[in-house]
Each structure stands twice: as structure tokens, then as C-alpha cells.
PDB file of N, CA and C in Angstrom:
ATOM      1  N   MET A   1      89.666  78.710  81.069  1.00  0.00           N
ATOM      2  CA  MET A   1      88.712  79.579  81.719  1.00  0.00           C
ATOM      3  C   MET A   1      87.784  78.787  82.634  1.00  0.00           C
ATOM      4  N   ASN A   2      87.400  77.603  82.172  1.00  0.00           N
ATOM      5  CA  ASN A   2      86.529  76.751  82.953  1.00  0.00           C
ATOM      6  C   ASN A   2      87.187  76.348  84.270  1.00  0.00           C
ATOM      7  N   GLU A   3      88.488  76.123  84.227  1.00  0.00           N
ATOM      8  CA  GLU A   3      89.223  75.752  85.438  1.00  0.00           C
ATOM      9  C   GLU A   3      89.233  76.901  86.450  1.00  0.00           C
ATOM     10  N   LEU A   4      89.339  78.138  85.953  1.00  0.00           N
ATOM     11  CA  LEU A   4      89.316  79.304  86.830  1.00  0.00           C
ATOM     12  C   LEU A   4      87.966  79.434  87.527  1.00  0.00           C
ATOM     13  N   VAL A   5      86.891  79.211  86.803  1.00  0.00           N
ATOM     14  CA  VAL A   5      85.549  79.272  87.383  1.00  0.00           C
ATOM     15  C   VAL A   5      85.400  78.201  88.465  1.00  0.00           C
ATOM     16  N   LYS A   6      85.891  77.016  88.189  1.00  0.00           N
ATOM     17  CA  LYS A   6      85.830  75.941  89.190  1.00  0.00           C
ATOM     18  C   LYS A   6      86.635  76.296  90.439  1.00  0.00           C
ATOM     19  N   LEU A   7      87.800  76.896  90.244  1.00  0.00           N
ATOM     20  CA  LEU A   7      88.633  77.296  91.380  1.00  0.00           C
ATOM     21  C   LEU A   7      87.927  78.351  92.220  1.00  0.00           C
ATOM     22  N   ILE A   8      87.351  79.356  91.582  1.00  0.00           N
ATOM     23  CA  ILE A   8      86.651  80.422  92.314  1.00  0.00           C
ATOM     24  C   ILE A   8      85.450  79.850  93.061  1.00  0.00           C
ATOM     25  N   ARG A   9      84.710  78.967  92.422  1.00  0.00           N
ATOM     26  CA  ARG A   9      83.562  78.342  93.071  1.00  0.00           C
ATOM     27  C   ARG A   9      84.008  77.530  94.285  1.00  0.00           C
ATOM     28  N   THR A  10      85.090  76.789  94.152  1.00  0.00           N
ATOM     29  CA  THR A  10      85.606  75.994  95.268  1.00  0.00           C
ATOM     30  C   THR A  10      86.055  76.891  96.416  1.00  0.00           C
ATOM     31  N   LEU A  11      86.741  77.978  96.090  1.00  0.00           N
ATOM     32  CA  LEU A  11      87.171  78.911  97.134  1.00  0.00           C
ATOM     33  C   LEU A  11      85.980  79.544  97.852  1.00  0.00           C
ATOM     34  N   ALA A  12      84.927  79.873  97.105  1.00  0.00           N
ATOM     35  CA  ALA A  12      83.728  80.470  97.717  1.00  0.00           C
ATOM     36  C   ALA A  12      83.061  79.486  98.675  1.00  0.00           C
ATOM     37  N   TRP A  13      82.912  78.248  98.242  1.00  0.00           N
ATOM     38  CA  TRP A  13      82.301  77.242  99.117  1.00  0.00           C
ATOM     39  C   TRP A  13      83.169  76.974 100.347  1.00  0.00           C
ATOM     40  N   THR A  14      84.482  76.976 100.151  1.00  0.00           N
ATOM     41  CA  THR A  14      85.397  76.761 101.274  1.00  0.00           C
ATOM     42  C   THR A  14      85.284  77.902 102.279  1.00  0.00           C
ATOM     43  N   ALA A  15      85.209  79.147 101.788  1.00  0.00           N
ATOM     44  CA  ALA A  15      85.070  80.302 102.681  1.00  0.00           C
ATOM     45  C   ALA A  15      83.741  80.242 103.432  1.00  0.00           C
ATOM     46  N   LEU A  16      82.677  79.838 102.747  1.00  0.00           N
ATOM     47  CA  LEU A  16      81.369  79.712 103.402  1.00  0.00           C
ATOM     48  C   LEU A  16      81.422  78.665 104.510  1.00  0.00           C
ATOM     49  N   ALA A  17      81.983  77.504 104.206  1.00  0.00           N
ATOM     50  CA  ALA A  17      82.092  76.442 105.213  1.00  0.00           C
ATOM     51  C   ALA A  17      82.970  76.880 106.379  1.00  0.00           C
ATOM     52  N   ALA A  18      84.058  77.578 106.087  1.00  0.00           N
ATOM     53  CA  ALA A  18      84.955  78.052 107.152  1.00  0.00           C
ATOM     54  C   ALA A  18      84.266  79.082 108.036  1.00  0.00           C
ATOM     55  N   ALA A  19      83.467  79.954 107.455  1.00  0.00           N
ATOM     56  CA  ALA A  19      82.754  80.962 108.247  1.00  0.00           C
ATOM     57  C   ALA A  19      81.751  80.303 109.186  1.00  0.00           C
ATOM     58  N   ILE A  20      80.995  79.343 108.670  1.00  0.00           N
ATOM     59  CA  ILE A  20      80.020  78.641 109.517  1.00  0.00           C
ATOM     60  C   ILE A  20      80.739  77.868 110.612  1.00  0.00           C
ATOM     61  N   TYR A  21      81.810  77.180 110.259  1.00  0.00           N
ATOM     62  CA  TYR A  21      82.594  76.424 111.246  1.00  0.00           C
ATOM     63  C   TYR A  21      83.142  77.350 112.323  1.00  0.00           C
ATOM     64  N   GLN A  22      83.636  78.498 111.894  1.00  0.00           N
ATOM     65  CA  GLN A  22      84.217  79.474 112.834  1.00  0.00           C
ATOM     66  C   GLN A  22      83.159  79.927 113.844  1.00  0.00           C
ATOM     67  N   GLU A  23      81.944  80.175 113.385  1.00  0.00           N
ATOM     68  CA  GLU A  23      80.875  80.617 114.289  1.00  0.00           C
ATOM     69  C   GLU A  23      80.402  79.477 115.192  1.00  0.00           C
ATOM     70  N   LEU A  24      80.302  78.267 114.658  1.00  0.00           N
ATOM     71  CA  LEU A  24      79.817  77.135 115.460  1.00  0.00           C
ATOM     72  C   LEU A  24      80.817  76.701 116.522  1.00  0.00           C
ATOM     73  N   ARG A  25      82.088  77.039 116.357  1.00  0.00           N
ATOM     74  CA  ARG A  25      83.096  76.718 117.381  1.00  0.00           C
ATOM     75  C   ARG A  25      82.934  77.590 118.618  1.00  0.00           C
ATOM     76  N   LYS A  26      82.314  78.748 118.466  1.00  0.00           N
ATOM     77  CA  LYS A  26      82.126  79.658 119.588  1.00  0.00           C
ATOM     78  C   LYS A  26      80.973  79.159 120.460  1.00  0.00           C
ATOM     79  N   PRO A  27      80.995  79.529 121.736  1.00  0.00           N
ATOM     80  CA  PRO A  27      79.832  79.203 122.570  1.00  0.00           C
ATOM     81  C   PRO A  27      78.598  79.947 122.033  1.00  0.00           C
ATOM     82  N   PRO A  28      77.415  79.392 122.174  1.00  0.00           N
ATOM     83  CA  PRO A  28      76.208  80.008 121.592  1.00  0.00           C
ATOM     84  C   PRO A  28      76.013  81.490 121.954  1.00  0.00           C
ATOM     85  N   GLU A  29      76.352  81.865 123.172  1.00  0.00           N
ATOM     86  CA  GLU A  29      76.157  83.264 123.579  1.00  0.00           C
ATOM     87  C   GLU A  29      77.191  84.207 122.955  1.00  0.00           C
ATOM     88  N   ALA A  30      78.277  83.678 122.411  1.00  0.00           N
ATOM     89  CA  ALA A  30      79.333  84.501 121.812  1.00  0.00           C
ATOM     90  C   ALA A  30      79.238  84.588 120.290  1.00  0.00           C
ATOM     91  N   ARG A  31      78.271  83.878 119.709  1.00  0.00           N
ATOM     92  CA  ARG A  31      78.147  83.874 118.249  1.00  0.00           C
ATOM     93  C   ARG A  31      77.552  85.195 117.757  1.00  0.00           C
ATOM     94  N   THR A  32      78.266  85.844 116.849  1.00  0.00           N
ATOM     95  CA  THR A  32      77.785  87.099 116.275  1.00  0.00           C
ATOM     96  C   THR A  32      77.318  86.912 114.845  1.00  0.00           C
ATOM     97  N   TRP A  33      77.731  85.845 114.200  1.00  0.00           N
ATOM     98  CA  TRP A  33      77.409  85.512 112.820  1.00  0.00           C
ATOM     99  C   TRP A  33      77.909  86.553 111.820  1.00  0.00           C
ATOM    100  N   ASN A  34      78.922  87.284 112.237  1.00  0.00           N
ATOM    101  CA  ASN A  34      79.642  88.145 111.296  1.00  0.00           C
ATOM    102  C   ASN A  34      81.079  88.241 111.760  1.00  0.00           C
ATOM    103  N   GLY A  35      81.982  88.404 110.806  1.00  0.00           N
ATOM    104  CA  GLY A  35      83.406  88.474 111.113  1.00  0.00           C
ATOM    105  C   GLY A  35      84.214  88.280 109.846  1.00  0.00           C
ATOM    106  N   LYS A  36      85.401  87.724 110.016  1.00  0.00           N
ATOM    107  CA  LYS A  36      86.274  87.479 108.863  1.00  0.00           C
ATOM    108  C   LYS A  36      86.879  86.084 108.959  1.00  0.00           C
ATOM    109  N   VAL A  37      86.878  85.392 107.823  1.00  0.00           N
ATOM    110  CA  VAL A  37      87.512  84.076 107.740  1.00  0.00           C
ATOM    111  C   VAL A  37      89.008  84.314 107.578  1.00  0.00           C
ATOM    112  N   ALA A  38      89.797  83.721 108.428  1.00  0.00           N
ATOM    113  CA  ALA A  38      91.257  83.851 108.404  1.00  0.00           C
ATOM    114  C   ALA A  38      91.684  85.323 108.480  1.00  0.00           C
ATOM    115  N   GLY A  39      90.843  86.156 109.037  1.00  0.00           N
ATOM    116  CA  GLY A  39      91.174  87.575 109.177  1.00  0.00           C
ATOM    117  C   GLY A  39      91.172  88.347 107.870  1.00  0.00           C
ATOM    118  N   VAL A  40      90.655  87.738 106.785  1.00  0.00           N
ATOM    119  CA  VAL A  40      90.711  88.382 105.468  1.00  0.00           C
ATOM    120  C   VAL A  40      89.338  88.490 104.813  1.00  0.00           C
ATOM    121  N   VAL A  41      88.663  87.373 104.634  1.00  0.00           N
ATOM    122  CA  VAL A  41      87.410  87.335 103.878  1.00  0.00           C
ATOM    123  C   VAL A  41      86.233  87.612 104.820  1.00  0.00           C
ATOM    124  N   PRO A  42      85.501  88.720 104.577  1.00  0.00           N
ATOM    125  CA  PRO A  42      84.391  89.053 105.476  1.00  0.00           C
ATOM    126  C   PRO A  42      83.172  88.150 105.246  1.00  0.00           C
ATOM    127  N   TYR A  43      82.430  87.929 106.323  1.00  0.00           N
ATOM    128  CA  TYR A  43      81.162  87.205 106.222  1.00  0.00           C
ATOM    129  C   TYR A  43      80.159  87.855 107.163  1.00  0.00           C
ATOM    130  N   ASP A  44      78.892  87.731 106.809  1.00  0.00           N
ATOM    131  CA  ASP A  44      77.816  88.273 107.639  1.00  0.00           C
ATOM    132  C   ASP A  44      76.567  87.462 107.358  1.00  0.00           C
ATOM    133  N   PHE A  45      76.079  86.759 108.376  1.00  0.00           N
ATOM    134  CA  PHE A  45      74.886  85.936 108.231  1.00  0.00           C
ATOM    135  C   PHE A  45      73.706  86.509 109.000  1.00  0.00           C
ATOM    136  N   ARG A  46      73.807  87.768 109.419  1.00  0.00           N
ATOM    137  CA  ARG A  46      72.689  88.429 110.094  1.00  0.00           C
ATOM    138  C   ARG A  46      71.663  88.874 109.054  1.00  0.00           C
ATOM    139  N   ILE A  47      70.452  89.114 109.503  1.00  0.00           N
ATOM    140  CA  ILE A  47      69.412  89.596 108.590  1.00  0.00           C
ATOM    141  C   ILE A  47      69.806  90.989 108.107  1.00  0.00           C
ATOM    142  N   PRO A  48      69.807  91.207 106.793  1.00  0.00           N
ATOM    143  CA  PRO A  48      70.216  92.511 106.269  1.00  0.00           C
ATOM    144  C   PRO A  48      69.234  93.614 106.649  1.00  0.00           C
ATOM    145  N   THR A  49      69.771  94.804 106.860  1.00  0.00           N
ATOM    146  CA  THR A  49      68.933  95.970 107.115  1.00  0.00           C
ATOM    147  C   THR A  49      69.098  96.943 105.953  1.00  0.00           C
ATOM    148  N   LEU A  50      68.153  97.851 105.819  1.00  0.00           N
ATOM    149  CA  LEU A  50      68.213  98.831 104.743  1.00  0.00           C
ATOM    150  C   LEU A  50      69.458  99.712 104.881  1.00  0.00           C
ATOM    151  N   ASP A  51      69.813 100.086 106.105  1.00  0.00           N
ATOM    152  CA  ASP A  51      71.009 100.911 106.314  1.00  0.00           C
ATOM    153  C   ASP A  51      72.278 100.182 105.898  1.00  0.00           C
ATOM    154  N   ARG A  52      72.375  98.894 106.244  1.00  0.00           N
ATOM    155  CA  ARG A  52      73.569  98.141 105.852  1.00  0.00           C
ATOM    156  C   ARG A  52      73.625  97.922 104.344  1.00  0.00           C
ATOM    157  N   LEU A  53      72.467  97.711 103.708  1.00  0.00           N
ATOM    158  CA  LEU A  53      72.433  97.586 102.248  1.00  0.00           C
ATOM    159  C   LEU A  53      72.908  98.874 101.596  1.00  0.00           C
ATOM    160  N   ARG A  54      72.392  99.994 102.067  1.00  0.00           N
ATOM    161  CA  ARG A  54      72.776 101.286 101.499  1.00  0.00           C
ATOM    162  C   ARG A  54      74.258 101.552 101.725  1.00  0.00           C
ATOM    163  N   GLU A  55      74.735 101.238 102.902  1.00  0.00           N
ATOM    164  CA  GLU A  55      76.148 101.455 103.225  1.00  0.00           C
ATOM    165  C   GLU A  55      77.078 100.606 102.356  1.00  0.00           C
ATOM    166  N   ALA A  56      76.655  99.398 102.039  1.00  0.00           N
ATOM    167  CA  ALA A  56      77.499  98.493 101.248  1.00  0.00           C
ATOM    168  C   ALA A  56      77.437  98.788  99.758  1.00  0.00           C
ATOM    169  N   TYR A  57      76.244  99.047  99.237  1.00  0.00           N
ATOM    170  CA  TYR A  57      76.082  99.152  97.795  1.00  0.00           C
ATOM    171  C   TYR A  57      75.911 100.574  97.271  1.00  0.00           C
ATOM    172  N   TRP A  58      75.606 101.543  98.148  1.00  0.00           N
ATOM    173  CA  TRP A  58      75.367 102.908  97.678  1.00  0.00           C
ATOM    174  C   TRP A  58      75.915 103.915  98.679  1.00  0.00           C
ATOM    175  N   ALA A  59      77.230 104.113  98.641  1.00  0.00           N
ATOM    176  CA  ALA A  59      77.900 105.090  99.505  1.00  0.00           C
ATOM    177  C   ALA A  59      78.764 105.986  98.625  1.00  0.00           C
ATOM    178  N   PRO A  60      78.151 106.970  97.921  1.00  0.00           N
ATOM    179  CA  PRO A  60      78.913 107.782  96.971  1.00  0.00           C
ATOM    180  C   PRO A  60      80.002 108.641  97.610  1.00  0.00           C
ATOM    181  N   ASP A  61      79.891 108.926  98.889  1.00  0.00           N
ATOM    182  CA  ASP A  61      80.901 109.751  99.558  1.00  0.00           C
ATOM    183  C   ASP A  61      82.150 108.966  99.929  1.00  0.00           C
ATOM    184  N   SER A  62      82.079 107.661  99.866  1.00  0.00           N
ATOM    185  CA  SER A  62      83.221 106.807 100.206  1.00  0.00           C
ATOM    186  C   SER A  62      84.199 106.754  99.042  1.00  0.00           C
ATOM    187  N   ASP A  63      85.417 106.346  99.326  1.00  0.00           N
ATOM    188  CA  ASP A  63      86.408 106.119  98.268  1.00  0.00           C
ATOM    189  C   ASP A  63      86.635 104.631  98.013  1.00  0.00           C
ATOM    190  N   GLN A  64      86.004 103.776  98.805  1.00  0.00           N
ATOM    191  CA  GLN A  64      86.202 102.334  98.678  1.00  0.00           C
ATOM    192  C   GLN A  64      85.251 101.745  97.638  1.00  0.00           C
ATOM    193  N   VAL A  65      85.799 100.989  96.698  1.00  0.00           N
ATOM    194  CA  VAL A  65      84.975 100.318  95.704  1.00  0.00           C
ATOM    195  C   VAL A  65      84.353  99.063  96.318  1.00  0.00           C
ATOM    196  N   PHE A  66      85.107  98.350  97.130  1.00  0.00           N
ATOM    197  CA  PHE A  66      84.614  97.126  97.752  1.00  0.00           C
ATOM    198  C   PHE A  66      84.384  97.352  99.235  1.00  0.00           C
ATOM    199  N   SER A  67      83.239  96.860  99.721  1.00  0.00           N
ATOM    200  CA  SER A  67      82.926  96.923 101.144  1.00  0.00           C
ATOM    201  C   SER A  67      82.510  95.524 101.585  1.00  0.00           C
ATOM    202  N   GLU A  68      82.307  95.371 102.872  1.00  0.00           N
ATOM    203  CA  GLU A  68      81.908  94.054 103.355  1.00  0.00           C
ATOM    204  C   GLU A  68      80.491  93.747 102.898  1.00  0.00           C
ATOM    205  N   ARG A  69      80.283  92.527 102.517  1.00  0.00           N
ATOM    206  CA  ARG A  69      78.990  92.091 101.993  1.00  0.00           C
ATOM    207  C   ARG A  69      77.922  92.188 103.082  1.00  0.00           C
ATOM    208  N   VAL A  70      76.697  92.490 102.700  1.00  0.00           N
ATOM    209  CA  VAL A  70      75.599  92.628 103.650  1.00  0.00           C
ATOM    210  C   VAL A  70      75.118  91.268 104.132  1.00  0.00           C
ATOM    211  N   PHE A  71      75.105  90.289 103.256  1.00  0.00           N
ATOM    212  CA  PHE A  71      74.719  88.943 103.654  1.00  0.00           C
ATOM    213  C   PHE A  71      75.544  87.953 102.856  1.00  0.00           C
ATOM    214  N   GLY A  72      76.157  87.018 103.534  1.00  0.00           N
ATOM    215  CA  GLY A  72      76.951  85.995 102.869  1.00  0.00           C
ATOM    216  C   GLY A  72      78.434  86.179 103.112  1.00  0.00           C
ATOM    217  N   VAL A  73      79.227  85.648 102.193  1.00  0.00           N
ATOM    218  CA  VAL A  73      80.681  85.667 102.315  1.00  0.00           C
ATOM    219  C   VAL A  73      81.260  86.461 101.156  1.00  0.00           C
ATOM    220  N   GLY A  74      82.204  87.334 101.443  1.00  0.00           N
ATOM    221  CA  GLY A  74      82.884  88.073 100.390  1.00  0.00           C
ATOM    222  C   GLY A  74      82.666  89.573 100.510  1.00  0.00           C
ATOM    223  N   TRP A  75      82.731  90.239  99.368  1.00  0.00           N
ATOM    224  CA  TRP A  75      82.665  91.692  99.344  1.00  0.00           C
ATOM    225  C   TRP A  75      81.502  92.161  98.496  1.00  0.00           C
ATOM    226  N   ALA A  76      81.053  93.386  98.760  1.00  0.00           N
ATOM    227  CA  ALA A  76      80.017  94.037  97.958  1.00  0.00           C
ATOM    228  C   ALA A  76      80.674  95.135  97.137  1.00  0.00           C
ATOM    229  N   VAL A  77      80.046  95.506  96.029  1.00  0.00           N
ATOM    230  CA  VAL A  77      80.573  96.564  95.167  1.00  0.00           C
ATOM    231  C   VAL A  77      79.780  97.843  95.427  1.00  0.00           C
ATOM    232  N   ASN A  78      80.499  98.893  95.817  1.00  0.00           N
ATOM    233  CA  ASN A  78      79.903 100.209  96.022  1.00  0.00           C
ATOM    234  C   ASN A  78      79.663 100.808  94.632  1.00  0.00           C
ATOM    235  N   ILE A  79      78.436 100.759  94.150  1.00  0.00           N
ATOM    236  CA  ILE A  79      78.106 101.060  92.757  1.00  0.00           C
ATOM    237  C   ILE A  79      78.512 102.470  92.319  1.00  0.00           C
ATOM    238  N   PRO A  80      78.188 103.545  93.069  1.00  0.00           N
ATOM    239  CA  PRO A  80      78.576 104.871  92.564  1.00  0.00           C
ATOM    240  C   PRO A  80      80.089 105.072  92.497  1.00  0.00           C
ATOM    241  N   VAL A  81      80.811 104.515  93.432  1.00  0.00           N
ATOM    242  CA  VAL A  81      82.274 104.662  93.418  1.00  0.00           C
ATOM    243  C   VAL A  81      82.855 103.851  92.266  1.00  0.00           C
ATOM    244  N   ALA A  82      82.341 102.645  92.044  1.00  0.00           N
ATOM    245  CA  ALA A  82      82.826 101.827  90.926  1.00  0.00           C
ATOM    246  C   ALA A  82      82.548 102.526  89.601  1.00  0.00           C
ATOM    247  N   ALA A  83      81.365 103.115  89.461  1.00  0.00           N
ATOM    248  CA  ALA A  83      81.033 103.831  88.223  1.00  0.00           C
ATOM    249  C   ALA A  83      81.955 105.026  88.029  1.00  0.00           C
ATOM    250  N   ARG A  84      82.236 105.748  89.108  1.00  0.00           N
ATOM    251  CA  ARG A  84      83.132 106.914  89.021  1.00  0.00           C
ATOM    252  C   ARG A  84      84.534 106.488  88.612  1.00  0.00           C
ATOM    253  N   LYS A  85      85.030 105.402  89.214  1.00  0.00           N
ATOM    254  CA  LYS A  85      86.378 104.921  88.885  1.00  0.00           C
ATOM    255  C   LYS A  85      86.443 104.439  87.435  1.00  0.00           C
ATOM    256  N   LEU A  86      85.415 103.721  86.975  1.00  0.00           N
ATOM    257  CA  LEU A  86      85.394 103.266  85.589  1.00  0.00           C
ATOM    258  C   LEU A  86      85.331 104.445  84.624  1.00  0.00           C
ATOM    259  N   SER A  87      84.591 105.472  84.994  1.00  0.00           N
ATOM    260  CA  SER A  87      84.520 106.675  84.157  1.00  0.00           C
ATOM    261  C   SER A  87      85.881 107.357  84.070  1.00  0.00           C
ATOM    262  N   GLU A  88      86.589 107.425  85.199  1.00  0.00           N
ATOM    263  CA  GLU A  88      87.931 108.018  85.203  1.00  0.00           C
ATOM    264  C   GLU A  88      88.885 107.220  84.314  1.00  0.00           C
ATOM    265  N   ILE A  89      88.805 105.900  84.401  1.00  0.00           N
ATOM    266  CA  ILE A  89      89.667 105.050  83.585  1.00  0.00           C
ATOM    267  C   ILE A  89      89.345 105.242  82.098  1.00  0.00           C
ATOM    268  N   ALA A  90      88.058 105.300  81.756  1.00  0.00           N
ATOM    269  CA  ALA A  90      87.662 105.499  80.360  1.00  0.00           C
ATOM    270  C   ALA A  90      88.136 106.858  79.848  1.00  0.00           C
ATOM    271  N   SER A  91      88.047 107.885  80.693  1.00  0.00           N
ATOM    272  CA  SER A  91      88.504 109.219  80.287  1.00  0.00           C
ATOM    273  C   SER A  91      90.008 109.229  80.053  1.00  0.00           C
ATOM    274  N   GLN A  92      90.748 108.602  80.955  1.00  0.00           N
ATOM    275  CA  GLN A  92      92.200 108.543  80.798  1.00  0.00           C
ATOM    276  C   GLN A  92      92.566 107.782  79.526  1.00  0.00           C
ATOM    277  N   TYR A  93      91.850 106.702  79.251  1.00  0.00           N
ATOM    278  CA  TYR A  93      92.115 105.926  78.038  1.00  0.00           C
ATOM    279  C   TYR A  93      91.819 106.769  76.802  1.00  0.00           C
ATOM    280  N   ALA A  94      90.695 107.474  76.817  1.00  0.00           N
ATOM    281  CA  ALA A  94      90.319 108.291  75.662  1.00  0.00           C
ATOM    282  C   ALA A  94      91.351 109.393  75.419  1.00  0.00           C
ATOM    283  N   GLU A  95      91.821 110.027  76.496  1.00  0.00           N
ATOM    284  CA  GLU A  95      92.822 111.081  76.347  1.00  0.00           C
ATOM    285  C   GLU A  95      94.137 110.536  75.801  1.00  0.00           C
ATOM    286  N   SER A  96      94.594 109.426  76.369  1.00  0.00           N
ATOM    287  CA  SER A  96      95.881 108.884  75.931  1.00  0.00           C
ATOM    288  C   SER A  96      95.786 108.308  74.517  1.00  0.00           C
ATOM    289  N   SER A  97      94.672 107.676  74.181  1.00  0.00           N
ATOM    290  CA  SER A  97      94.556 107.124  72.834  1.00  0.00           C
ATOM    291  C   SER A  97      94.375 108.238  71.808  1.00  0.00           C
ATOM    292  N   ALA A  98      93.734 109.343  72.181  1.00  0.00           N
ATOM    293  CA  ALA A  98      93.602 110.472  71.249  1.00  0.00           C
ATOM    294  C   ALA A  98      94.979 111.053  70.935  1.00  0.00           C
ATOM    295  N   GLU A  99      95.811 111.177  71.947  1.00  0.00           N
ATOM    296  CA  GLU A  99      97.178 111.681  71.743  1.00  0.00           C
ATOM    297  C   GLU A  99      97.963 110.733  70.841  1.00  0.00           C
ATOM    298  N   LEU A 100      97.826 109.443  71.063  1.00  0.00           N
ATOM    299  CA  LEU A 100      98.515 108.455  70.233  1.00  0.00           C
ATOM    300  C   LEU A 100      98.023 108.513  68.789  1.00  0.00           C
ATOM    301  N   ARG A 101      96.693 108.589  68.604  1.00  0.00           N
ATOM    302  CA  ARG A 101      96.147 108.689  67.245  1.00  0.00           C
ATOM    303  C   ARG A 101      96.640 109.948  66.550  1.00  0.00           C
ATOM    304  N   ARG A 102      96.732 111.054  67.285  1.00  0.00           N
ATOM    305  CA  ARG A 102      97.210 112.307  66.711  1.00  0.00           C
ATOM    306  C   ARG A 102      98.654 112.152  66.242  1.00  0.00           C
ATOM    307  N   ARG A 103      99.498 111.540  67.081  1.00  0.00           N
ATOM    308  CA  ARG A 103     100.900 111.357  66.703  1.00  0.00           C
ATOM    309  C   ARG A 103     101.036 110.435  65.500  1.00  0.00           C
ATOM    310  N   VAL A 104     100.270 109.384  65.452  1.00  0.00           N
ATOM    311  CA  VAL A 104     100.340 108.449  64.327  1.00  0.00           C
ATOM    312  C   VAL A 104      99.878 109.131  63.055  1.00  0.00           C
ATOM    313  N   SER A 105      98.813 109.905  63.126  1.00  0.00           N
ATOM    314  CA  SER A 105      98.322 110.574  61.917  1.00  0.00           C
ATOM    315  C   SER A 105      99.305 111.627  61.434  1.00  0.00           C
ATOM    316  N   GLN A 106      99.986 112.308  62.345  1.00  0.00           N
ATOM    317  CA  GLN A 106     101.003 113.283  61.934  1.00  0.00           C
ATOM    318  C   GLN A 106     102.184 112.585  61.272  1.00  0.00           C
ATOM    319  N   ARG A 107     102.558 111.436  61.784  1.00  0.00           N
ATOM    320  CA  ARG A 107     103.664 110.681  61.214  1.00  0.00           C
ATOM    321  C   ARG A 107     103.306 110.160  59.838  1.00  0.00           C
ATOM    322  N   ASP A 108     102.071 109.718  59.637  1.00  0.00           N
ATOM    323  CA  ASP A 108     101.645 109.149  58.369  1.00  0.00           C
ATOM    324  C   ASP A 108     101.228 110.202  57.350  1.00  0.00           C
ATOM    325  N   GLU A 109     101.009 111.426  57.790  1.00  0.00           N
ATOM    326  CA  GLU A 109     100.539 112.468  56.882  1.00  0.00           C
ATOM    327  C   GLU A 109     101.505 112.745  55.722  1.00  0.00           C
ATOM    328  N   PRO A 110     102.798 112.942  55.964  1.00  0.00           N
ATOM    329  CA  PRO A 110     103.707 113.166  54.835  1.00  0.00           C
ATOM    330  C   PRO A 110     103.726 111.996  53.858  1.00  0.00           C
ATOM    331  N   ARG A 111     103.640 110.781  54.341  1.00  0.00           N
ATOM    332  CA  ARG A 111     103.626 109.604  53.484  1.00  0.00           C
ATOM    333  C   ARG A 111     102.379 109.630  52.602  1.00  0.00           C
ATOM    334  N   ALA A 112     101.252 110.000  53.150  1.00  0.00           N
ATOM    335  CA  ALA A 112     100.020 110.072  52.378  1.00  0.00           C
ATOM    336  C   ALA A 112     100.127 111.143  51.304  1.00  0.00           C
ATOM    337  N   LEU A 113     100.774 112.261  51.635  1.00  0.00           N
ATOM    338  CA  LEU A 113     100.966 113.321  50.644  1.00  0.00           C
ATOM    339  C   LEU A 113     101.890 112.849  49.522  1.00  0.00           C
ATOM    340  N   ARG A 114     102.959 112.124  49.877  1.00  0.00           N
ATOM    341  CA  ARG A 114     103.884 111.604  48.866  1.00  0.00           C
ATOM    342  C   ARG A 114     103.167 110.624  47.948  1.00  0.00           C
ATOM    343  N   ASP A 115     102.385 109.747  48.548  1.00  0.00           N
ATOM    344  CA  ASP A 115     101.683 108.744  47.755  1.00  0.00           C
ATOM    345  C   ASP A 115     100.670 109.381  46.817  1.00  0.00           C
ATOM    346  N   SER A 116     100.006 110.430  47.271  1.00  0.00           N
ATOM    347  CA  SER A 116      98.998 111.074  46.413  1.00  0.00           C
ATOM    348  C   SER A 116      99.667 111.836  45.266  1.00  0.00           C
ATOM    349  N   SER A 117     100.900 112.315  45.470  1.00  0.00           N
ATOM    350  CA  SER A 117     101.581 113.045  44.385  1.00  0.00           C
ATOM    351  C   SER A 117     102.090 112.074  43.315  1.00  0.00           C
ATOM    352  N   ARG A 118     102.318 110.824  43.674  1.00  0.00           N
ATOM    353  CA  ARG A 118     102.803 109.825  42.723  1.00  0.00           C
ATOM    354  C   ARG A 118     101.666 109.169  41.946  1.00  0.00           C
ATOM    355  N   ALA A 119     100.467 109.288  42.452  1.00  0.00           N
ATOM    356  CA  ALA A 119      99.340 108.598  41.808  1.00  0.00           C
ATOM    357  C   ALA A 119      99.079 109.201  40.436  1.00  0.00           C
ATOM    358  N   PRO A 120      98.807 108.360  39.451  1.00  0.00           N
ATOM    359  CA  PRO A 120      98.520 108.886  38.098  1.00  0.00           C
ATOM    360  C   PRO A 120      97.208 109.646  38.110  1.00  0.00           C
ATOM    361  N   ARG A 121      97.206 110.715  37.394  1.00  0.00           N
ATOM    362  CA  ARG A 121      95.999 111.533  37.329  1.00  0.00           C
ATOM    363  C   ARG A 121      95.320 111.296  35.994  1.00  0.00           C
ATOM    364  N   ASP A 122      94.032 111.280  36.043  1.00  0.00           N
ATOM    365  CA  ASP A 122      93.260 111.164  34.816  1.00  0.00           C
ATOM    366  C   ASP A 122      93.128 112.547  34.187  1.00  0.00           C
ATOM    367  N   GLU A 123      93.657 112.680  32.976  1.00  0.00           N
ATOM    368  CA  GLU A 123      93.538 113.971  32.302  1.00  0.00           C
ATOM    369  C   GLU A 123      92.665 113.774  31.089  1.00  0.00           C
ATOM    370  N   PRO A 124      91.734 114.690  30.870  1.00  0.00           N
ATOM    371  CA  PRO A 124      90.811 114.524  29.724  1.00  0.00           C
ATOM    372  C   PRO A 124      91.440 114.826  28.399  1.00  0.00           C
TER     373      PRO A 124
END
């Protein structure tokens, strides 16, 4: 697990360095300080605005869980959409596990009845 954390940290630092390098290679008048590293990983080094923060982290009408980060390198999590998706997954799990528990209990029910009929009874 420690190796995975080190790998992710190294990739994050590499993406940050690549984004800065990518912007510094451009002529000063062409620098936008936002874009994508290798056409995949988004970056944005502009000063965040309230509209961009809301758009990235609180867009309940969207279907995207991940959006471009407001400041830095990587992605932001759209909180209401992520919560909705997690709720859907939990509901599906609860429904499927309830069905499984029902089937298992029905299968074990006759065995429980057989075992209870064999048990010695205390008679006064």
C-alpha cells in the first residue's frame, strides 16, 4: 500500500511539473495557465472564482462525478452527483443482498426444522 501512495504522489508531482513546463514553453502572451497535460490530465493555475468552484464541486444537474479542478492539477469531485451515485450503489447492494439473504434463509429453514425435531425435549 505504501508503494501505491508513493507512486500516486510521484505521478502528481510529475503532472504538476509538466503543466508548469508546458505553460512556460509558450510565449508570455500565449500563456493561459490552464489546459491539459498530455491531453489528459487537466490543470488550472488561474485564481479561482466562486462560479468555477460551484461548477466544479456543486453541480447537481450534471451527470459527471469528476470535473476539471478549479485550482491545481487533476480532477474535482462533484459532491451531489457522487452522493447520488453512492446512494444508488448502496440501494442496489441492499436489494441484491436482501434477495440473497431471503434465498439462504429459505434453503436453511427446512434444516432448522429437522434439527429442532431431533432435539431432546425436557419433559417434567
